[in-house]
Amino acid sequence: MDADTIWQLYPTPARETPLTGLYLRHDLRQHGAALGRPFVYTNYVTSIDGRIAIPRSEGKGMTVPKDTANDRDWRLFQELAVQADVIISSGRYLRDYAEGQAQEILRVYDDPRFADLGRWRAERGLPPYPDLALVSGSLDFSVPEFLTQSGRRVVILTHGAADRERARRLENEAGQVIVAGERDVSGRQAVEALGRLGYRTVYMATGPRVHHLLLADDVLDRLYTTVAHRLLGGQPFSSLVEGELLRPAIGMRLHALYFDPHALDGLGQQFACYER
């Protein structure tokens, strides 16, 4: 079995399929055009025992565990990111970036492994990078010049109780601050605001609390997960969703399931895709 080949387990019948291009073949941009509203999707890599993030070694903040992160999952992350009009992140991402603890989300122009994805965007007349939408209640961050100088739009989604002086400062730095909720950011209002700006494919690439607000308002269309075949244990940790109990529980249908036998020195991992 070729190293670039994985098993598609669902839909049946089971068959071999290439890893490269796997999520590009899902053609997410067709959904954004057909729905008449933004198509919202997200992706996480997790251990068997449900950990997506553990404390950093220096004790400040959380990070994806080295024992679950891997190049094969990272390839698929990039294939999802490249299909987006806008990527949702958070103020923490920019704080981490300023401290040298985060990197550009879409790596198609500084990593030769993903050069084909840069061509994929160019062939479709898309700008080099998706725009960036930052969800924040505290507004405790700055927008680095490299973002706005690269021609990307930076949109900040906050709530009506946020600090007005910080909002004015960020508006001067980034150009657009949108109130999407009264005392907390509303997932529905945030997605509706992105729709009014003309975005049709929205990739949520941040943590479990933003995931919760999208689920709670029933505006997440598709969830991708990678389950790396390792157990980590340990406290504290982050899981897929963090926040109040979802009432009612959010039901999702299995859209696709794959087994990658080559990852993690032969331990393997599963790629799953769920739909609302």
Foldseek 3Di string as FASTA:
>chain_A
DDQQWWWWVPPDDIDIDGLQCPVVVVVVLVQLVPPLFAAEEEEAEAAPVFFRWDADPVRPDIDGDPLGDDDSVLNVQLSQQLNWQEEEEAQVQQVCVVVVNHDDSRCCPPDVVNVVSQVVCVVVVHPSHHAYEYEDAALPHEDDPVRVVSVHQYEYEYAQVYDPVSVVRRCVRRVYYHHQYHNGHALVSVRRVVVVVPTRYYYYYYAQASVQRVVLNVNHFKYKYKHDHDDDDDPDGGGNHDDDDRVPDDDWAWDIKIWNQPPPPRSTMMITMTGD
